[in-house]
Each structure stands twice: as structure tokens, then as C-alpha cells.
N, C-alpha and C. Protein backbone atom coordinates (compact mmCIF):
# COMPACT_ATOMS: atom_id res chain seq x y z
N MET A 1 33.89 -44.54 -147.83
CA MET A 1 34.69 -44.83 -146.66
C MET A 1 36.02 -45.48 -147.09
N SER A 2 36.80 -45.94 -146.16
CA SER A 2 38.17 -46.39 -146.41
C SER A 2 38.30 -47.89 -146.69
N TYR A 3 37.55 -48.38 -147.63
CA TYR A 3 37.64 -49.80 -147.95
C TYR A 3 38.89 -50.12 -148.78
N GLU A 4 39.41 -49.12 -149.50
CA GLU A 4 40.53 -49.34 -150.41
C GLU A 4 41.76 -49.85 -149.66
N LYS A 5 42.03 -49.29 -148.50
CA LYS A 5 43.20 -49.71 -147.72
C LYS A 5 43.07 -51.17 -147.30
N VAL A 6 41.86 -51.59 -146.96
CA VAL A 6 41.61 -52.99 -146.60
C VAL A 6 41.85 -53.87 -147.83
N GLU A 7 41.34 -53.45 -148.98
CA GLU A 7 41.51 -54.23 -150.20
C GLU A 7 42.97 -54.41 -150.57
N ARG A 8 43.80 -53.40 -150.30
CA ARG A 8 45.22 -53.45 -150.68
C ARG A 8 46.11 -54.08 -149.62
N ALA A 9 45.59 -54.34 -148.44
CA ALA A 9 46.41 -54.87 -147.34
C ALA A 9 46.97 -56.24 -147.69
N LYS A 10 48.22 -56.45 -147.32
CA LYS A 10 48.86 -57.74 -147.57
C LYS A 10 48.36 -58.82 -146.61
N GLU A 11 48.12 -58.44 -145.36
CA GLU A 11 47.66 -59.42 -144.37
C GLU A 11 46.56 -58.82 -143.51
N LEU A 12 45.46 -59.55 -143.41
CA LEU A 12 44.29 -59.09 -142.66
C LEU A 12 43.89 -60.10 -141.61
N THR A 13 43.22 -59.60 -140.60
CA THR A 13 42.51 -60.43 -139.64
C THR A 13 41.05 -60.07 -139.80
N ILE A 14 40.19 -61.07 -139.94
CA ILE A 14 38.77 -60.83 -140.19
C ILE A 14 37.93 -61.44 -139.08
N GLY A 15 36.98 -60.66 -138.57
CA GLY A 15 36.08 -61.16 -137.54
C GLY A 15 36.47 -60.68 -136.15
N ILE A 16 35.50 -60.68 -135.26
CA ILE A 16 35.69 -60.12 -133.93
C ILE A 16 36.71 -60.90 -133.11
N LYS A 17 36.58 -62.22 -133.03
CA LYS A 17 37.49 -63.01 -132.20
C LYS A 17 38.94 -62.88 -132.67
N GLN A 18 39.15 -63.00 -133.98
CA GLN A 18 40.51 -62.91 -134.52
C GLN A 18 41.08 -61.51 -134.37
N THR A 19 40.23 -60.49 -134.52
CA THR A 19 40.68 -59.11 -134.35
C THR A 19 41.10 -58.87 -132.90
N ILE A 20 40.31 -59.36 -131.95
CA ILE A 20 40.66 -59.21 -130.53
C ILE A 20 42.01 -59.86 -130.24
N LYS A 21 42.22 -61.07 -130.73
CA LYS A 21 43.50 -61.76 -130.51
C LYS A 21 44.67 -60.95 -131.06
N ALA A 22 44.50 -60.46 -132.28
CA ALA A 22 45.59 -59.71 -132.92
C ALA A 22 45.88 -58.40 -132.19
N VAL A 23 44.84 -57.71 -131.72
CA VAL A 23 45.04 -56.46 -130.98
C VAL A 23 45.73 -56.76 -129.65
N GLU A 24 45.29 -57.81 -128.96
CA GLU A 24 45.91 -58.18 -127.68
C GLU A 24 47.40 -58.48 -127.84
N HIS A 25 47.77 -59.07 -128.97
CA HIS A 25 49.17 -59.40 -129.24
C HIS A 25 49.91 -58.28 -129.97
N GLN A 26 49.28 -57.12 -130.07
CA GLN A 26 49.86 -55.92 -130.68
C GLN A 26 50.39 -56.20 -132.10
N GLN A 27 49.57 -56.88 -132.90
CA GLN A 27 49.95 -57.26 -134.25
C GLN A 27 49.27 -56.42 -135.33
N VAL A 28 48.50 -55.41 -134.94
CA VAL A 28 47.73 -54.66 -135.94
C VAL A 28 48.13 -53.20 -135.98
N GLU A 29 47.97 -52.62 -137.18
CA GLU A 29 48.22 -51.18 -137.31
C GLU A 29 46.93 -50.38 -137.32
N ALA A 30 45.81 -51.01 -137.69
CA ALA A 30 44.51 -50.32 -137.68
C ALA A 30 43.39 -51.36 -137.67
N VAL A 31 42.28 -50.98 -137.06
CA VAL A 31 41.10 -51.85 -137.00
C VAL A 31 39.93 -51.13 -137.66
N TYR A 32 39.19 -51.87 -138.47
CA TYR A 32 38.00 -51.36 -139.15
C TYR A 32 36.78 -52.00 -138.50
N ILE A 33 35.81 -51.18 -138.13
CA ILE A 33 34.58 -51.66 -137.51
C ILE A 33 33.39 -51.17 -138.32
N ALA A 34 32.51 -52.09 -138.71
CA ALA A 34 31.31 -51.74 -139.46
C ALA A 34 30.27 -51.15 -138.50
N THR A 35 29.73 -50.00 -138.85
CA THR A 35 28.77 -49.33 -137.97
C THR A 35 27.42 -50.04 -137.94
N ASP A 36 27.14 -50.91 -138.92
CA ASP A 36 25.87 -51.64 -138.90
C ASP A 36 25.99 -52.98 -138.17
N ALA A 37 27.13 -53.26 -137.56
CA ALA A 37 27.31 -54.48 -136.76
C ALA A 37 26.71 -54.26 -135.37
N ASP A 38 26.39 -55.34 -134.70
CA ASP A 38 25.82 -55.29 -133.36
C ASP A 38 26.81 -54.64 -132.39
N LYS A 39 26.41 -53.54 -131.79
CA LYS A 39 27.29 -52.79 -130.88
C LYS A 39 27.74 -53.62 -129.68
N ARG A 40 26.90 -54.54 -129.24
CA ARG A 40 27.29 -55.39 -128.11
C ARG A 40 28.51 -56.23 -128.46
N LEU A 41 28.63 -56.56 -129.74
CA LEU A 41 29.76 -57.37 -130.18
C LEU A 41 31.00 -56.54 -130.47
N THR A 42 30.81 -55.37 -131.05
CA THR A 42 31.96 -54.56 -131.46
C THR A 42 32.51 -53.69 -130.34
N GLN A 43 31.74 -53.49 -129.28
CA GLN A 43 32.17 -52.62 -128.19
C GLN A 43 33.48 -53.09 -127.56
N LYS A 44 33.63 -54.40 -127.36
CA LYS A 44 34.85 -54.94 -126.75
C LYS A 44 36.07 -54.63 -127.63
N VAL A 45 35.91 -54.77 -128.93
CA VAL A 45 37.00 -54.47 -129.86
C VAL A 45 37.38 -53.00 -129.75
N GLU A 46 36.37 -52.14 -129.76
CA GLU A 46 36.62 -50.70 -129.71
C GLU A 46 37.33 -50.30 -128.41
N LEU A 47 36.88 -50.83 -127.28
CA LEU A 47 37.51 -50.51 -126.00
C LEU A 47 38.95 -51.02 -125.93
N LEU A 48 39.18 -52.22 -126.44
CA LEU A 48 40.52 -52.80 -126.45
C LEU A 48 41.47 -51.97 -127.32
N CYS A 49 40.97 -51.53 -128.47
CA CYS A 49 41.79 -50.69 -129.35
C CYS A 49 42.16 -49.38 -128.67
N LYS A 50 41.22 -48.80 -127.97
CA LYS A 50 41.49 -47.55 -127.25
C LYS A 50 42.56 -47.78 -126.19
N GLU A 51 42.42 -48.88 -125.46
CA GLU A 51 43.37 -49.23 -124.40
C GLU A 51 44.78 -49.46 -124.96
N LYS A 52 44.86 -50.09 -126.14
CA LYS A 52 46.16 -50.43 -126.74
C LYS A 52 46.69 -49.35 -127.67
N GLY A 53 45.90 -48.30 -127.90
CA GLY A 53 46.34 -47.22 -128.78
C GLY A 53 46.29 -47.56 -130.26
N VAL A 54 45.38 -48.44 -130.63
CA VAL A 54 45.23 -48.85 -132.03
C VAL A 54 44.16 -47.99 -132.68
N PRO A 55 44.47 -47.36 -133.82
CA PRO A 55 43.46 -46.55 -134.50
C PRO A 55 42.26 -47.39 -134.96
N VAL A 56 41.06 -46.82 -134.80
CA VAL A 56 39.83 -47.47 -135.24
C VAL A 56 39.22 -46.63 -136.35
N ILE A 57 38.90 -47.28 -137.46
CA ILE A 57 38.24 -46.62 -138.58
C ILE A 57 36.85 -47.23 -138.70
N HIS A 58 35.83 -46.39 -138.67
CA HIS A 58 34.45 -46.88 -138.80
C HIS A 58 34.05 -46.84 -140.28
N VAL A 59 33.47 -47.94 -140.72
CA VAL A 59 32.95 -48.04 -142.08
C VAL A 59 31.46 -48.33 -141.99
N ASP A 60 30.73 -48.05 -143.06
CA ASP A 60 29.27 -48.08 -142.97
C ASP A 60 28.62 -49.44 -143.19
N SER A 61 29.36 -50.44 -143.68
CA SER A 61 28.68 -51.66 -144.08
C SER A 61 29.49 -52.92 -143.80
N MET A 62 28.89 -53.86 -143.08
CA MET A 62 29.51 -55.17 -142.86
C MET A 62 29.71 -55.88 -144.20
N ARG A 63 28.72 -55.77 -145.05
CA ARG A 63 28.78 -56.45 -146.34
C ARG A 63 29.95 -55.94 -147.18
N ARG A 64 30.09 -54.61 -147.24
CA ARG A 64 31.18 -54.02 -148.03
C ARG A 64 32.54 -54.29 -147.39
N LEU A 65 32.59 -54.33 -146.06
CA LEU A 65 33.85 -54.65 -145.38
C LEU A 65 34.25 -56.10 -145.68
N GLY A 66 33.29 -57.00 -145.63
CA GLY A 66 33.56 -58.40 -145.99
C GLY A 66 34.06 -58.52 -147.42
N LYS A 67 33.42 -57.81 -148.33
CA LYS A 67 33.83 -57.84 -149.73
C LYS A 67 35.25 -57.30 -149.89
N ALA A 68 35.57 -56.22 -149.19
CA ALA A 68 36.92 -55.64 -149.25
C ALA A 68 37.96 -56.63 -148.72
N CYS A 69 37.53 -57.49 -147.79
CA CYS A 69 38.43 -58.51 -147.23
C CYS A 69 38.53 -59.74 -148.12
N GLY A 70 37.72 -59.78 -149.17
CA GLY A 70 37.76 -60.90 -150.09
C GLY A 70 36.90 -62.08 -149.68
N ILE A 71 35.90 -61.84 -148.83
CA ILE A 71 35.00 -62.92 -148.43
C ILE A 71 33.58 -62.60 -148.91
N GLU A 72 32.76 -63.62 -148.99
CA GLU A 72 31.42 -63.48 -149.55
C GLU A 72 30.36 -63.10 -148.52
N VAL A 73 30.74 -63.01 -147.26
CA VAL A 73 29.79 -62.67 -146.20
C VAL A 73 30.24 -61.38 -145.53
N GLY A 74 29.38 -60.81 -144.71
CA GLY A 74 29.72 -59.58 -144.01
C GLY A 74 30.77 -59.81 -142.94
N ALA A 75 31.49 -58.74 -142.61
CA ALA A 75 32.48 -58.78 -141.54
C ALA A 75 32.20 -57.61 -140.60
N ALA A 76 32.04 -57.90 -139.32
CA ALA A 76 31.82 -56.83 -138.34
C ALA A 76 33.09 -56.04 -138.10
N THR A 77 34.23 -56.76 -138.09
CA THR A 77 35.53 -56.10 -137.89
C THR A 77 36.57 -56.73 -138.80
N ALA A 78 37.59 -55.94 -139.06
CA ALA A 78 38.77 -56.42 -139.78
C ALA A 78 39.94 -55.60 -139.28
N ALA A 79 41.11 -56.20 -139.31
CA ALA A 79 42.31 -55.49 -138.87
C ALA A 79 43.41 -55.66 -139.90
N ILE A 80 44.12 -54.59 -140.17
CA ILE A 80 45.29 -54.66 -141.03
C ILE A 80 46.46 -54.99 -140.11
N LYS A 81 47.11 -56.11 -140.39
CA LYS A 81 48.22 -56.54 -139.55
C LYS A 81 49.49 -55.79 -139.90
N LYS A 82 50.33 -55.61 -138.90
CA LYS A 82 51.63 -54.95 -139.10
C LYS A 82 52.49 -55.81 -140.02
N SER A 83 53.24 -55.16 -140.88
CA SER A 83 54.14 -55.92 -141.75
C SER A 83 55.42 -56.24 -141.00
N GLY A 84 55.94 -57.42 -141.28
CA GLY A 84 57.20 -57.84 -140.65
C GLY A 84 56.96 -58.52 -139.44
């Protein structure tokens, strides 16, 4: 899956609450959602992204997404923030 782009990103938002805030403020270029995360939690992020026209990339593992973000725990969502 597309973990490489997350690993190379200069600025990230990690976690559901922070991702929602960033999407609401139109600060992201793409959102990554782990398919093994609880759907009740990620559904709001996915709907908000659709509403705001933000691309959503699904990845297979919270653990691998967290690792790509440089943290030691899993991440349900992560967003690559717009540069500038």
C-alpha cells in the first residue's frame, strides 16, 4: 500500500481528532485510513473527506500506518498536510 508517501511527508496529522480538525480547516492534501481500524470511528473522517473533496487512501494496517508516521503505536488515520 501507499505508506511511502506518508513516510516522506514533511508535515503530518496523526489520529482521528487531529485529522478531522485539519480536514475541517482545509489543511490537508490527502487522508490515509487504516482498514483494520474501528469503522465507527473512521466513518466520520471518511464522510467529512468526501464532503470536502479530500482524497482518501485506504491502507491495510493501523500498526504500519503508525510506523510510517514515526510513532510506536497504531494510527487509525493520518493526513498529509498541504505545504505552505
